[in-house]
Structures are given as C-alpha cells and as structure tokens.
C-alpha cells in the first residue's frame, strides 16, 4: 500500500478553480491506478476521476469537461484540476490507489482501491 497525502482543498466561488494534489508519501506510485472520489454530507462516496499507469483517464459524467486528472512521475504526484466548479461539487475529496491493471485500464469502483488518503475539503459557494 502507498501512503497518500492530499492537499489543495479550500473555499471558492461557483465558476472558480481549484487544484487538488495527491502525493505518495515516501514512495513512488509505481504502476498503480490512482483515483479521486468524493463524499458530500449525507451522501454515498462517489467516483470522480481516475488515471491508470498508462495514462488512460476516466471521469464521472458530472465532472466531464470541467475536471482534469493528470499524473506527474517527476514529482510523484497526481493532480485533479477542477474548473468551472459548482456548489454541488462541495465534498470531501480523497485520492486512492488500486493495483495496476496489466493492460493499464481504469477502474471506477471504490472497492478496487486499497490505499486511501485522509481527504481534503472542497467547498463551493454560490
């Protein structure tokens, strides 16, 4: 398992931008898949975006075209760029890693992700 540390959350207005970071603490990500999930108060955790070790990405329909996930091996960090944010994006965002698929495919099921960060709060005001 890879210890993960998220950062970059905060308060912003609707239409603004935030960039979340997910760093592997003391280790490299290696050939794992990395996903972002979010959980709003009173709601189930939901998939946001994921990127495989091959760079294949997938997004939830609710964020497609607004959020971008990227993976930077040089600084061992995965980013979630959030643009045109909406109040409904308010949630605790967590990154997680899943064992690498041999074909580099992406998984959106939280059950496949074995190592989780502590989460970072994102609040979007209207």
Foldseek 3Di string as FASTA:
>chain_A
DFAKAKDWADEEAAQAKIKMKIAGPPDALPQWKKFKWWDDPPGDIFGAKIAGSVGDIDGDPVQPPFWDWDADRVRRMIMIIGGSDDQVVWTWMKMFIAGHDPVRDDDGDPVRTDYIYPTDTHGYHD
